Structures are given as structure tokens and as C-alpha cells.
Amino acid sequence: MPRLVGKRSNPTPAIALIILAAAALGVSLEYYGYINVVPGFGRTVPYPLDQNNNFDAR
């Protein structure tokens, strides 16, 4: 079915979803300690990539 002539598309829901996903990603990175934009928020040490490796035992 062809689009109606003269009807404009509405990108607002897609833009809102992209902004929401970016905000959620930023907050999760801040919480887990991979970025530090807000001092005192989230973990102080990020999770290691390899959970089986004990970096403190040397």
C-alpha cells in the first residue's frame, strides 16, 4: 500500500527511544565504574572482564 501523498513521517518515537537507550547505557556505565562523571555515584572499582581471574592475589 503506497504512502499517502503529502503525509509526513513522525520520527519522534524513534528519536525518543534512541535517547532513552543512550541514557540507560550512560547511567549503567557510570554505576558500574567504567566512567566517572558524577563523583561518588556507583561502584569505585569496575568489574574485571574475567571473573575467574583474581587480580589481587600476587
PDB file of N, CA and C in Angstrom:
ATOM      1  N   MET A   1       0.846  -1.164   0.000  1.00  0.00           N
ATOM      2  CA  MET A   1       0.000   0.000   0.000  1.00  0.00           C
ATOM      3  C   MET A   1       0.897   1.234   0.000  1.00  0.00           C
ATOM      4  N   PRO A   2       0.752   2.114  -0.959  1.00  0.00           N
ATOM      5  CA  PRO A   2       1.625   3.284  -1.033  1.00  0.00           C
ATOM      6  C   PRO A   2       1.303   4.290   0.065  1.00  0.00           C
ATOM      7  N   ARG A   3       2.306   5.105   0.385  1.00  0.00           N
ATOM      8  CA  ARG A   3       2.095   6.160   1.375  1.00  0.00           C
ATOM      9  C   ARG A   3       1.120   7.183   0.840  1.00  0.00           C
ATOM     10  N   LEU A   4       0.430   7.817   1.726  1.00  0.00           N
ATOM     11  CA  LEU A   4      -0.467   8.883   1.327  1.00  0.00           C
ATOM     12  C   LEU A   4       0.355  10.086   0.878  1.00  0.00           C
ATOM     13  N   VAL A   5      -0.039  10.705  -0.168  1.00  0.00           N
ATOM     14  CA  VAL A   5       0.691  11.842  -0.703  1.00  0.00           C
ATOM     15  C   VAL A   5       0.565  13.013   0.261  1.00  0.00           C
ATOM     16  N   GLY A   6       1.698  13.602   0.591  1.00  0.00           N
ATOM     17  CA  GLY A   6       1.702  14.763   1.466  1.00  0.00           C
ATOM     18  C   GLY A   6       1.776  14.442   2.942  1.00  0.00           C
ATOM     19  N   LYS A   7       1.652  13.188   3.341  1.00  0.00           N
ATOM     20  CA  LYS A   7       1.728  12.843   4.762  1.00  0.00           C
ATOM     21  C   LYS A   7       3.199  12.712   5.160  1.00  0.00           C
ATOM     22  N   ARG A   8       3.586  13.458   6.182  1.00  0.00           N
ATOM     23  CA  ARG A   8       4.967  13.434   6.649  1.00  0.00           C
ATOM     24  C   ARG A   8       5.131  12.366   7.719  1.00  0.00           C
ATOM     25  N   SER A   9       6.307  11.755   7.750  1.00  0.00           N
ATOM     26  CA  SER A   9       6.577  10.754   8.781  1.00  0.00           C
ATOM     27  C   SER A   9       6.878  11.450  10.104  1.00  0.00           C
ATOM     28  N   ASN A  10       6.671  10.739  11.194  1.00  0.00           N
ATOM     29  CA  ASN A  10       6.892  11.279  12.530  1.00  0.00           C
ATOM     30  C   ASN A  10       8.037  10.502  13.181  1.00  0.00           C
ATOM     31  N   PRO A  11       9.263  11.070  13.207  1.00  0.00           N
ATOM     32  CA  PRO A  11      10.402  10.346  13.780  1.00  0.00           C
ATOM     33  C   PRO A  11      10.514  10.466  15.298  1.00  0.00           C
ATOM     34  N   THR A  12       9.562  11.113  15.956  1.00  0.00           N
ATOM     35  CA  THR A  12       9.664  11.366  17.386  1.00  0.00           C
ATOM     36  C   THR A  12       9.794  10.083  18.218  1.00  0.00           C
ATOM     37  N   PRO A  13       9.002   9.025  17.976  1.00  0.00           N
ATOM     38  CA  PRO A  13       9.177   7.822  18.807  1.00  0.00           C
ATOM     39  C   PRO A  13      10.558   7.178  18.640  1.00  0.00           C
ATOM     40  N   ALA A  14      11.087   7.169  17.439  1.00  0.00           N
ATOM     41  CA  ALA A  14      12.411   6.574  17.224  1.00  0.00           C
ATOM     42  C   ALA A  14      13.495   7.404  17.907  1.00  0.00           C
ATOM     43  N   ILE A  15      13.404   8.703  17.816  1.00  0.00           N
ATOM     44  CA  ILE A  15      14.393   9.576  18.451  1.00  0.00           C
ATOM     45  C   ILE A  15      14.310   9.444  19.973  1.00  0.00           C
ATOM     46  N   ALA A  16      13.114   9.372  20.515  1.00  0.00           N
ATOM     47  CA  ALA A  16      12.943   9.217  21.961  1.00  0.00           C
ATOM     48  C   ALA A  16      13.521   7.881  22.433  1.00  0.00           C
ATOM     49  N   LEU A  17      13.329   6.836  21.664  1.00  0.00           N
ATOM     50  CA  LEU A  17      13.860   5.521  22.027  1.00  0.00           C
ATOM     51  C   LEU A  17      15.387   5.522  21.994  1.00  0.00           C
ATOM     52  N   ILE A  18      15.980   6.162  21.015  1.00  0.00           N
ATOM     53  CA  ILE A  18      17.444   6.242  20.929  1.00  0.00           C
ATOM     54  C   ILE A  18      18.007   7.034  22.104  1.00  0.00           C
ATOM     55  N   ILE A  19      17.370   8.144  22.447  1.00  0.00           N
ATOM     56  CA  ILE A  19      17.831   8.955  23.582  1.00  0.00           C
ATOM     57  C   ILE A  19      17.693   8.171  24.889  1.00  0.00           C
ATOM     58  N   LEU A  20      16.599   7.457  25.053  1.00  0.00           N
ATOM     59  CA  LEU A  20      16.387   6.657  26.258  1.00  0.00           C
ATOM     60  C   LEU A  20      17.428   5.547  26.375  1.00  0.00           C
ATOM     61  N   ALA A  21      17.735   4.873  25.268  1.00  0.00           N
ATOM     62  CA  ALA A  21      18.739   3.806  25.286  1.00  0.00           C
ATOM     63  C   ALA A  21      20.123   4.373  25.596  1.00  0.00           C
ATOM     64  N   ALA A  22      20.457   5.533  25.025  1.00  0.00           N
ATOM     65  CA  ALA A  22      21.756   6.152  25.299  1.00  0.00           C
ATOM     66  C   ALA A  22      21.865   6.572  26.761  1.00  0.00           C
ATOM     67  N   ALA A  23      20.788   7.098  27.318  1.00  0.00           N
ATOM     68  CA  ALA A  23      20.799   7.497  28.729  1.00  0.00           C
ATOM     69  C   ALA A  23      20.953   6.278  29.638  1.00  0.00           C
ATOM     70  N   ALA A  24      20.263   5.196  29.323  1.00  0.00           N
ATOM     71  CA  ALA A  24      20.377   3.975  30.127  1.00  0.00           C
ATOM     72  C   ALA A  24      21.786   3.407  30.054  1.00  0.00           C
ATOM     73  N   LEU A  25      22.390   3.438  28.881  1.00  0.00           N
ATOM     74  CA  LEU A  25      23.763   2.954  28.730  1.00  0.00           C
ATOM     75  C   LEU A  25      24.728   3.825  29.541  1.00  0.00           C
ATOM     76  N   GLY A  26      24.558   5.136  29.475  1.00  0.00           N
ATOM     77  CA  GLY A  26      25.433   6.040  30.226  1.00  0.00           C
ATOM     78  C   GLY A  26      25.313   5.857  31.725  1.00  0.00           C
ATOM     79  N   VAL A  27      24.093   5.702  32.212  1.00  0.00           N
ATOM     80  CA  VAL A  27      23.888   5.501  33.655  1.00  0.00           C
ATOM     81  C   VAL A  27      24.475   4.167  34.099  1.00  0.00           C
ATOM     82  N   SER A  28      24.313   3.128  33.290  1.00  0.00           N
ATOM     83  CA  SER A  28      24.862   1.825  33.685  1.00  0.00           C
ATOM     84  C   SER A  28      26.389   1.843  33.672  1.00  0.00           C
ATOM     85  N   LEU A  29      26.997   2.512  32.680  1.00  0.00           N
ATOM     86  CA  LEU A  29      28.455   2.618  32.668  1.00  0.00           C
ATOM     87  C   LEU A  29      28.955   3.422  33.856  1.00  0.00           C
ATOM     88  N   GLU A  30      28.227   4.457  34.233  1.00  0.00           N
ATOM     89  CA  GLU A  30      28.598   5.256  35.395  1.00  0.00           C
ATOM     90  C   GLU A  30      28.450   4.430  36.674  1.00  0.00           C
ATOM     91  N   TYR A  31      27.368   3.679  36.791  1.00  0.00           N
ATOM     92  CA  TYR A  31      27.128   2.900  38.004  1.00  0.00           C
ATOM     93  C   TYR A  31      28.180   1.808  38.191  1.00  0.00           C
ATOM     94  N   TYR A  32      28.536   1.119  37.120  1.00  0.00           N
ATOM     95  CA  TYR A  32      29.494   0.021  37.233  1.00  0.00           C
ATOM     96  C   TYR A  32      30.942   0.498  37.257  1.00  0.00           C
ATOM     97  N   GLY A  33      31.185   1.794  37.163  1.00  0.00           N
ATOM     98  CA  GLY A  33      32.517   2.322  37.379  1.00  0.00           C
ATOM     99  C   GLY A  33      33.389   2.427  36.151  1.00  0.00           C
ATOM    100  N   TYR A  34      32.838   2.249  34.973  1.00  0.00           N
ATOM    101  CA  TYR A  34      33.653   2.349  33.770  1.00  0.00           C
ATOM    102  C   TYR A  34      33.883   3.797  33.355  1.00  0.00           C
ATOM    103  N   ILE A  35      32.989   4.705  33.734  1.00  0.00           N
ATOM    104  CA  ILE A  35      33.196   6.135  33.548  1.00  0.00           C
ATOM    105  C   ILE A  35      32.909   6.805  34.889  1.00  0.00           C
ATOM    106  N   ASN A  36      33.463   7.981  35.096  1.00  0.00           N
ATOM    107  CA  ASN A  36      33.251   8.679  36.362  1.00  0.00           C
ATOM    108  C   ASN A  36      32.919  10.138  36.070  1.00  0.00           C
ATOM    109  N   VAL A  37      31.656  10.400  35.784  1.00  0.00           N
ATOM    110  CA  VAL A  37      31.196  11.755  35.524  1.00  0.00           C
ATOM    111  C   VAL A  37      30.651  12.372  36.810  1.00  0.00           C
ATOM    112  N   VAL A  38      29.916  11.589  37.586  1.00  0.00           N
ATOM    113  CA  VAL A  38      29.332  12.046  38.845  1.00  0.00           C
ATOM    114  C   VAL A  38      30.147  11.442  39.986  1.00  0.00           C
ATOM    115  N   PRO A  39      30.920  12.246  40.699  1.00  0.00           N
ATOM    116  CA  PRO A  39      31.728  11.700  41.790  1.00  0.00           C
ATOM    117  C   PRO A  39      30.857  11.093  42.886  1.00  0.00           C
ATOM    118  N   GLY A  40      31.250   9.920  43.355  1.00  0.00           N
ATOM    119  CA  GLY A  40      30.547   9.276  44.447  1.00  0.00           C
ATOM    120  C   GLY A  40      29.339   8.462  44.034  1.00  0.00           C
ATOM    121  N   PHE A  41      29.073   8.320  42.746  1.00  0.00           N
ATOM    122  CA  PHE A  41      27.927   7.539  42.286  1.00  0.00           C
ATOM    123  C   PHE A  41      28.419   6.220  41.738  1.00  0.00           C
ATOM    124  N   GLY A  42      27.820   5.127  42.197  1.00  0.00           N
ATOM    125  CA  GLY A  42      28.146   3.812  41.657  1.00  0.00           C
ATOM    126  C   GLY A  42      29.316   3.159  42.350  1.00  0.00           C
ATOM    127  N   ARG A  43      29.865   2.166  41.685  1.00  0.00           N
ATOM    128  CA  ARG A  43      30.978   1.403  42.224  1.00  0.00           C
ATOM    129  C   ARG A  43      32.272   2.187  42.087  1.00  0.00           C
ATOM    130  N   THR A  44      33.221   1.920  42.978  1.00  0.00           N
ATOM    131  CA  THR A  44      34.514   2.592  42.885  1.00  0.00           C
ATOM    132  C   THR A  44      35.487   1.813  42.011  1.00  0.00           C
ATOM    133  N   VAL A  45      35.295   0.494  41.904  1.00  0.00           N
ATOM    134  CA  VAL A  45      36.170  -0.355  41.093  1.00  0.00           C
ATOM    135  C   VAL A  45      35.302  -1.080  40.078  1.00  0.00           C
ATOM    136  N   PRO A  46      35.626  -0.997  38.790  1.00  0.00           N
ATOM    137  CA  PRO A  46      34.812  -1.708  37.802  1.00  0.00           C
ATOM    138  C   PRO A  46      34.996  -3.217  37.913  1.00  0.00           C
ATOM    139  N   TYR A  47      33.981  -3.942  37.472  1.00  0.00           N
ATOM    140  CA  TYR A  47      34.091  -5.390  37.425  1.00  0.00           C
ATOM    141  C   TYR A  47      35.202  -5.783  36.460  1.00  0.00           C
ATOM    142  N   PRO A  48      36.031  -6.759  36.824  1.00  0.00           N
ATOM    143  CA  PRO A  48      37.037  -7.225  35.859  1.00  0.00           C
ATOM    144  C   PRO A  48      36.347  -7.981  34.719  1.00  0.00           C
ATOM    145  N   LEU A  49      36.967  -7.975  33.565  1.00  0.00           N
ATOM    146  CA  LEU A  49      36.380  -8.664  32.422  1.00  0.00           C
ATOM    147  C   LEU A  49      36.359 -10.174  32.636  1.00  0.00           C
ATOM    148  N   ASP A  50      37.354 -10.700  33.322  1.00  0.00           N
ATOM    149  CA  ASP A  50      37.424 -12.127  33.597  1.00  0.00           C
ATOM    150  C   ASP A  50      37.125 -12.341  35.077  1.00  0.00           C
ATOM    151  N   GLN A  51      35.941 -12.839  35.394  1.00  0.00           N
ATOM    152  CA  GLN A  51      35.539 -13.014  36.793  1.00  0.00           C
ATOM    153  C   GLN A  51      36.360 -14.103  37.485  1.00  0.00           C
ATOM    154  N   ASN A  52      36.962 -15.045  36.738  1.00  0.00           N
ATOM    155  CA  ASN A  52      37.707 -16.142  37.347  1.00  0.00           C
ATOM    156  C   ASN A  52      39.117 -15.729  37.711  1.00  0.00           C
ATOM    157  N   ASN A  53      39.601 -14.624  37.207  1.00  0.00           N
ATOM    158  CA  ASN A  53      40.964 -14.182  37.463  1.00  0.00           C
ATOM    159  C   ASN A  53      40.988 -13.343  38.739  1.00  0.00           C
ATOM    160  N   ASN A  54      41.818 -13.717  39.684  1.00  0.00           N
ATOM    161  CA  ASN A  54      41.946 -12.972  40.930  1.00  0.00           C
ATOM    162  C   ASN A  54      43.126 -12.020  40.787  1.00  0.00           C
ATOM    163  N   PHE A  55      42.870 -10.730  40.556  1.00  0.00           N
ATOM    164  CA  PHE A  55      43.933  -9.782  40.293  1.00  0.00           C
ATOM    165  C   PHE A  55      44.683  -9.371  41.558  1.00  0.00           C
ATOM    166  N   ASP A  56      44.065  -9.568  42.736  1.00  0.00           N
ATOM    167  CA  ASP A  56      44.683  -9.126  43.973  1.00  0.00           C
ATOM    168  C   ASP A  56      45.696 -10.125  44.512  1.00  0.00           C
ATOM    169  N   ALA A  57      45.604 -11.394  44.163  1.00  0.00           N
ATOM    170  CA  ALA A  57      46.481 -12.426  44.710  1.00  0.00           C
ATOM    171  C   ALA A  57      47.768 -12.495  43.888  1.00  0.00           C
ATOM    172  N   ARG A  58      48.839 -11.931  44.427  1.00  0.00           N
ATOM    173  CA  ARG A  58      50.137 -11.971  43.745  1.00  0.00           C
ATOM    174  C   ARG A  58      51.219 -12.159  44.747  1.00  0.00           C
TER     175      ARG A  58
END
